[in-house]
């Protein structure tokens, strides 16, 4: 693993933590639907995560297949090309369940893999 992978993971972590803050600020799916700034923040951060995931080398994603990398990239594509028809229930569920798991994974990898530079 190299510095490029570390940089990608650090940027993913930053966007994932932003999603947590945005969703905590919203507090509910109902409020997310009402607040266009928070909605845009969450969706843009998901888009960024998917874009970054697409830049990870196959050897990394294959080694860490417990993360649904293709789904992250797929959500990015949908956010980029179908923003106005996105299902906010899926966005909210992702923010509440998948993003905390992604944060835990990235923090663990960054902490444990001393070969990252």
N, C-alpha and C. Protein backbone atom coordinates (compact mmCIF):
# COMPACT_ATOMS: atom_id res chain seq x y z
N UNK A 1 0.84 -1.18 0.00
CA UNK A 1 0.00 0.00 0.00
C UNK A 1 0.89 1.24 0.00
N UNK A 2 0.36 2.32 -0.53
CA UNK A 2 1.21 3.49 -0.69
C UNK A 2 0.53 4.76 -0.19
N UNK A 3 1.23 5.86 -0.36
CA UNK A 3 0.73 7.15 0.08
C UNK A 3 -0.53 7.58 -0.65
N UNK A 4 -0.68 7.16 -1.89
CA UNK A 4 -1.88 7.50 -2.66
C UNK A 4 -3.12 6.89 -2.02
N UNK A 5 -3.02 5.64 -1.63
CA UNK A 5 -4.14 4.96 -0.97
C UNK A 5 -4.45 5.66 0.36
N UNK A 6 -3.42 5.99 1.10
CA UNK A 6 -3.62 6.69 2.38
C UNK A 6 -4.35 8.02 2.15
N UNK A 7 -3.93 8.76 1.15
CA UNK A 7 -4.56 10.04 0.85
C UNK A 7 -6.03 9.87 0.47
N UNK A 8 -6.32 8.89 -0.35
CA UNK A 8 -7.70 8.62 -0.74
C UNK A 8 -8.54 8.29 0.49
N UNK A 9 -8.02 7.41 1.34
CA UNK A 9 -8.76 7.02 2.54
C UNK A 9 -8.97 8.20 3.48
N UNK A 10 -7.97 9.05 3.62
CA UNK A 10 -8.12 10.23 4.48
C UNK A 10 -9.19 11.17 3.96
N UNK A 11 -9.24 11.35 2.64
CA UNK A 11 -10.28 12.20 2.05
C UNK A 11 -11.67 11.56 2.19
N UNK A 12 -11.74 10.25 2.02
CA UNK A 12 -13.00 9.54 2.23
C UNK A 12 -13.48 9.71 3.66
N UNK A 13 -12.54 9.59 4.59
CA UNK A 13 -12.86 9.73 6.01
C UNK A 13 -13.41 11.12 6.31
N UNK A 14 -12.79 12.13 5.74
CA UNK A 14 -13.26 13.51 5.94
C UNK A 14 -14.70 13.68 5.44
N UNK A 15 -14.99 13.18 4.24
CA UNK A 15 -16.34 13.28 3.70
C UNK A 15 -17.33 12.46 4.53
N UNK A 16 -16.92 11.30 4.98
CA UNK A 16 -17.81 10.46 5.80
C UNK A 16 -18.14 11.16 7.11
N UNK A 17 -17.14 11.77 7.72
CA UNK A 17 -17.40 12.51 8.96
C UNK A 17 -18.30 13.72 8.71
N UNK A 18 -18.15 14.34 7.56
CA UNK A 18 -19.05 15.45 7.20
C UNK A 18 -20.49 14.96 7.12
N UNK A 19 -20.68 13.79 6.55
CA UNK A 19 -22.04 13.23 6.44
C UNK A 19 -22.64 13.04 7.83
N UNK A 20 -21.84 12.56 8.77
CA UNK A 20 -22.33 12.38 10.13
C UNK A 20 -22.78 13.72 10.71
N UNK A 21 -21.97 14.75 10.53
CA UNK A 21 -22.33 16.08 11.05
C UNK A 21 -23.60 16.60 10.37
N UNK A 22 -23.66 16.46 9.05
CA UNK A 22 -24.85 16.91 8.33
C UNK A 22 -26.10 16.19 8.83
N UNK A 23 -26.01 14.88 8.97
CA UNK A 23 -27.20 14.12 9.37
C UNK A 23 -27.57 14.38 10.83
N UNK A 24 -26.58 14.62 11.68
CA UNK A 24 -26.88 15.00 13.06
C UNK A 24 -27.55 16.37 13.09
N UNK A 25 -27.10 17.27 12.22
CA UNK A 25 -27.71 18.60 12.14
C UNK A 25 -29.16 18.48 11.70
N UNK A 26 -29.41 17.63 10.72
CA UNK A 26 -30.79 17.43 10.24
C UNK A 26 -31.61 16.76 11.34
N UNK A 27 -31.07 15.71 11.91
CA UNK A 27 -31.76 15.01 12.99
C UNK A 27 -32.79 13.99 12.56
N UNK A 28 -33.32 14.13 11.35
CA UNK A 28 -34.34 13.19 10.88
C UNK A 28 -34.43 13.24 9.37
N UNK A 29 -35.00 12.19 8.82
CA UNK A 29 -35.24 12.16 7.38
C UNK A 29 -36.19 13.28 6.98
N UNK A 30 -37.17 13.54 7.80
CA UNK A 30 -38.13 14.62 7.51
C UNK A 30 -37.41 15.96 7.36
N UNK A 31 -36.48 16.24 8.26
CA UNK A 31 -35.75 17.50 8.20
C UNK A 31 -34.78 17.50 7.01
N UNK A 32 -34.20 16.36 6.71
CA UNK A 32 -33.32 16.27 5.53
C UNK A 32 -34.10 16.64 4.27
N UNK A 33 -35.32 16.16 4.18
CA UNK A 33 -36.17 16.48 3.02
C UNK A 33 -36.42 17.98 2.92
N UNK A 34 -36.56 18.65 4.06
CA UNK A 34 -36.90 20.08 4.09
C UNK A 34 -35.69 20.99 3.88
N UNK A 35 -34.52 20.55 4.31
CA UNK A 35 -33.36 21.43 4.31
C UNK A 35 -32.46 21.12 3.10
N UNK A 36 -32.57 21.94 2.08
CA UNK A 36 -31.84 21.66 0.83
C UNK A 36 -30.33 21.77 1.01
N UNK A 37 -29.86 22.63 1.90
CA UNK A 37 -28.41 22.74 2.11
C UNK A 37 -27.83 21.48 2.74
N UNK A 38 -28.52 20.96 3.73
CA UNK A 38 -28.05 19.72 4.36
C UNK A 38 -28.14 18.57 3.37
N UNK A 39 -29.24 18.51 2.63
CA UNK A 39 -29.41 17.45 1.63
C UNK A 39 -28.27 17.50 0.62
N UNK A 40 -27.98 18.69 0.12
CA UNK A 40 -26.89 18.83 -0.85
C UNK A 40 -25.55 18.46 -0.23
N UNK A 41 -25.34 18.81 1.03
CA UNK A 41 -24.09 18.45 1.70
C UNK A 41 -23.91 16.95 1.82
N UNK A 42 -24.97 16.27 2.22
CA UNK A 42 -24.90 14.80 2.35
C UNK A 42 -24.67 14.16 0.99
N UNK A 43 -25.45 14.57 0.01
CA UNK A 43 -25.34 13.94 -1.32
C UNK A 43 -23.98 14.23 -1.95
N UNK A 44 -23.50 15.46 -1.82
CA UNK A 44 -22.19 15.79 -2.38
C UNK A 44 -21.08 14.99 -1.70
N UNK A 45 -21.19 14.81 -0.40
CA UNK A 45 -20.19 14.02 0.31
C UNK A 45 -20.25 12.56 -0.12
N UNK A 46 -21.46 12.03 -0.34
CA UNK A 46 -21.58 10.66 -0.85
C UNK A 46 -20.98 10.56 -2.25
N UNK A 47 -21.22 11.57 -3.06
CA UNK A 47 -20.65 11.61 -4.40
C UNK A 47 -19.12 11.58 -4.32
N UNK A 48 -18.56 12.40 -3.43
CA UNK A 48 -17.10 12.43 -3.27
C UNK A 48 -16.56 11.09 -2.82
N UNK A 49 -17.23 10.46 -1.87
CA UNK A 49 -16.78 9.15 -1.38
C UNK A 49 -16.77 8.13 -2.53
N UNK A 50 -17.82 8.12 -3.32
CA UNK A 50 -17.88 7.19 -4.45
C UNK A 50 -16.80 7.46 -5.48
N UNK A 51 -16.56 8.73 -5.74
CA UNK A 51 -15.49 9.09 -6.69
C UNK A 51 -14.13 8.62 -6.16
N UNK A 52 -13.89 8.87 -4.90
CA UNK A 52 -12.62 8.44 -4.30
C UNK A 52 -12.50 6.92 -4.30
N UNK A 53 -13.60 6.23 -4.00
CA UNK A 53 -13.58 4.76 -3.99
C UNK A 53 -13.20 4.22 -5.36
N UNK A 54 -13.63 4.91 -6.41
CA UNK A 54 -13.32 4.45 -7.76
C UNK A 54 -11.83 4.59 -8.08
N UNK A 55 -11.11 5.36 -7.30
CA UNK A 55 -9.68 5.57 -7.52
C UNK A 55 -8.80 4.58 -6.75
N UNK A 56 -9.41 3.83 -5.84
CA UNK A 56 -8.63 2.85 -5.08
C UNK A 56 -8.20 1.70 -6.00
N UNK A 57 -6.99 1.22 -5.83
CA UNK A 57 -6.53 0.10 -6.66
C UNK A 57 -7.31 -1.19 -6.34
N UNK A 58 -7.46 -2.01 -7.35
CA UNK A 58 -8.18 -3.28 -7.17
C UNK A 58 -7.58 -4.14 -6.08
N UNK A 59 -6.27 -4.12 -5.95
CA UNK A 59 -5.65 -4.97 -4.93
C UNK A 59 -6.11 -4.56 -3.52
N UNK A 60 -6.35 -3.27 -3.32
CA UNK A 60 -6.86 -2.81 -2.02
C UNK A 60 -8.31 -3.21 -1.84
N UNK A 61 -9.15 -2.93 -2.84
CA UNK A 61 -10.57 -3.25 -2.70
C UNK A 61 -10.81 -4.76 -2.63
N UNK A 62 -10.01 -5.53 -3.35
CA UNK A 62 -10.13 -6.99 -3.27
C UNK A 62 -9.74 -7.49 -1.88
N UNK A 63 -8.72 -6.90 -1.31
CA UNK A 63 -8.26 -7.29 0.03
C UNK A 63 -9.30 -6.94 1.09
N UNK A 64 -10.05 -5.88 0.85
CA UNK A 64 -11.04 -5.40 1.82
C UNK A 64 -12.44 -5.49 1.22
N UNK A 65 -12.79 -6.69 0.80
CA UNK A 65 -14.05 -6.91 0.10
C UNK A 65 -15.28 -6.79 1.00
N UNK A 66 -15.08 -6.64 2.32
CA UNK A 66 -16.22 -6.47 3.22
C UNK A 66 -16.89 -5.11 3.04
N UNK A 67 -16.21 -4.19 2.38
CA UNK A 67 -16.79 -2.88 2.06
C UNK A 67 -17.40 -2.98 0.66
N UNK A 68 -18.63 -2.54 0.49
CA UNK A 68 -19.28 -2.63 -0.84
C UNK A 68 -18.81 -1.51 -1.77
N UNK A 69 -17.58 -1.64 -2.25
CA UNK A 69 -16.96 -0.59 -3.07
C UNK A 69 -17.79 -0.26 -4.30
N UNK A 70 -18.32 -1.29 -4.95
CA UNK A 70 -19.11 -1.06 -6.17
C UNK A 70 -20.39 -0.27 -5.85
N UNK A 71 -20.96 -0.52 -4.70
CA UNK A 71 -22.16 0.22 -4.29
C UNK A 71 -21.82 1.69 -4.02
N UNK A 72 -20.66 1.93 -3.44
CA UNK A 72 -20.24 3.32 -3.19
C UNK A 72 -20.09 4.06 -4.51
N UNK A 73 -19.46 3.41 -5.47
CA UNK A 73 -19.27 4.01 -6.78
C UNK A 73 -20.62 4.18 -7.48
N UNK A 74 -21.49 3.18 -7.34
CA UNK A 74 -22.82 3.26 -7.94
C UNK A 74 -23.64 4.41 -7.38
N UNK A 75 -23.55 4.61 -6.08
CA UNK A 75 -24.27 5.73 -5.47
C UNK A 75 -23.71 7.05 -5.98
N UNK A 76 -22.42 7.11 -6.18
CA UNK A 76 -21.80 8.31 -6.74
C UNK A 76 -22.36 8.60 -8.12
N UNK A 77 -22.44 7.57 -8.94
CA UNK A 77 -22.95 7.75 -10.30
C UNK A 77 -24.40 8.23 -10.29
N UNK A 78 -25.18 7.65 -9.39
CA UNK A 78 -26.58 8.07 -9.31
C UNK A 78 -26.69 9.50 -8.80
N UNK A 79 -25.87 9.85 -7.81
CA UNK A 79 -25.89 11.22 -7.27
C UNK A 79 -25.49 12.22 -8.35
N UNK A 80 -24.53 11.85 -9.16
CA UNK A 80 -24.04 12.76 -10.20
C UNK A 80 -25.03 12.92 -11.35
N UNK A 81 -25.73 11.85 -11.67
CA UNK A 81 -26.58 11.88 -12.87
C UNK A 81 -28.07 11.90 -12.58
N UNK A 82 -28.44 11.64 -11.33
CA UNK A 82 -29.87 11.60 -11.01
C UNK A 82 -30.18 12.27 -9.69
N UNK A 83 -29.46 13.34 -9.39
CA UNK A 83 -29.58 14.01 -8.09
C UNK A 83 -31.03 14.33 -7.74
N UNK A 84 -31.78 14.89 -8.68
CA UNK A 84 -33.12 15.36 -8.37
C UNK A 84 -34.14 14.24 -8.19
N UNK A 85 -33.75 13.02 -8.51
CA UNK A 85 -34.68 11.91 -8.31
C UNK A 85 -34.14 10.90 -7.30
N UNK A 86 -33.13 11.30 -6.52
CA UNK A 86 -32.56 10.38 -5.54
C UNK A 86 -33.59 10.03 -4.47
N UNK A 87 -33.56 8.80 -4.04
CA UNK A 87 -34.43 8.33 -2.96
C UNK A 87 -33.78 8.74 -1.63
N UNK A 88 -34.36 9.73 -0.98
CA UNK A 88 -33.75 10.24 0.26
C UNK A 88 -33.81 9.24 1.40
N UNK A 89 -34.72 8.27 1.34
CA UNK A 89 -34.74 7.23 2.36
C UNK A 89 -33.46 6.39 2.28
N UNK A 90 -33.02 6.10 1.07
CA UNK A 90 -31.77 5.36 0.89
C UNK A 90 -30.59 6.21 1.33
N UNK A 91 -30.60 7.48 0.98
CA UNK A 91 -29.53 8.40 1.39
C UNK A 91 -29.46 8.46 2.92
N UNK A 92 -30.61 8.61 3.57
CA UNK A 92 -30.66 8.71 5.03
C UNK A 92 -30.18 7.40 5.67
N UNK A 93 -30.66 6.29 5.16
CA UNK A 93 -30.24 4.99 5.69
C UNK A 93 -28.74 4.79 5.53
N UNK A 94 -28.21 5.18 4.39
CA UNK A 94 -26.76 5.09 4.16
C UNK A 94 -26.00 5.94 5.17
N UNK A 95 -26.48 7.16 5.39
CA UNK A 95 -25.83 8.06 6.34
C UNK A 95 -25.88 7.52 7.76
N UNK A 96 -26.96 6.82 8.10
CA UNK A 96 -27.13 6.32 9.46
C UNK A 96 -26.43 4.99 9.72
N UNK A 97 -26.30 4.15 8.71
CA UNK A 97 -25.76 2.81 8.95
C UNK A 97 -24.43 2.56 8.24
N UNK A 98 -24.39 2.79 6.95
CA UNK A 98 -23.18 2.44 6.19
C UNK A 98 -22.03 3.39 6.43
N UNK A 99 -22.32 4.67 6.59
CA UNK A 99 -21.24 5.65 6.77
C UNK A 99 -20.50 5.44 8.10
N UNK A 100 -21.20 5.22 9.22
CA UNK A 100 -20.45 4.92 10.45
C UNK A 100 -19.58 3.67 10.33
N UNK A 101 -20.06 2.67 9.61
CA UNK A 101 -19.26 1.46 9.38
C UNK A 101 -18.04 1.78 8.53
N UNK A 102 -18.21 2.63 7.52
CA UNK A 102 -17.09 3.03 6.67
C UNK A 102 -16.06 3.80 7.49
N UNK A 103 -16.52 4.69 8.34
CA UNK A 103 -15.61 5.45 9.21
C UNK A 103 -14.79 4.49 10.08
N UNK A 104 -15.47 3.55 10.72
CA UNK A 104 -14.76 2.58 11.56
C UNK A 104 -13.71 1.82 10.76
N UNK A 105 -14.09 1.37 9.56
CA UNK A 105 -13.16 0.63 8.71
C UNK A 105 -11.94 1.48 8.36
N UNK A 106 -12.16 2.69 7.88
CA UNK A 106 -11.05 3.53 7.44
C UNK A 106 -10.14 3.87 8.62
N UNK A 107 -10.72 4.23 9.75
CA UNK A 107 -9.89 4.55 10.92
C UNK A 107 -9.06 3.35 11.34
N UNK A 108 -9.64 2.16 11.28
CA UNK A 108 -8.90 0.94 11.63
C UNK A 108 -7.75 0.70 10.65
N UNK A 109 -8.03 0.81 9.37
CA UNK A 109 -6.99 0.58 8.35
C UNK A 109 -5.86 1.60 8.50
N UNK A 110 -6.23 2.86 8.68
CA UNK A 110 -5.20 3.89 8.81
C UNK A 110 -4.35 3.70 10.07
N UNK A 111 -4.99 3.23 11.13
CA UNK A 111 -4.28 3.01 12.39
C UNK A 111 -3.39 1.76 12.35
N UNK A 112 -3.93 0.70 11.78
CA UNK A 112 -3.24 -0.59 11.84
C UNK A 112 -2.20 -0.80 10.75
N UNK A 113 -2.38 -0.17 9.62
CA UNK A 113 -1.46 -0.44 8.51
C UNK A 113 -0.32 0.56 8.52
N UNK A 114 0.76 0.18 9.16
CA UNK A 114 1.89 1.09 9.28
C UNK A 114 2.72 1.18 8.00
N UNK A 115 2.26 0.46 6.95
CA UNK A 115 2.98 0.58 5.67
C UNK A 115 2.46 1.76 4.86
N UNK A 116 1.35 2.36 5.30
CA UNK A 116 0.87 3.55 4.60
C UNK A 116 1.83 4.70 4.88
N UNK A 117 2.15 5.41 3.81
CA UNK A 117 3.08 6.54 4.01
C UNK A 117 2.67 7.70 3.17
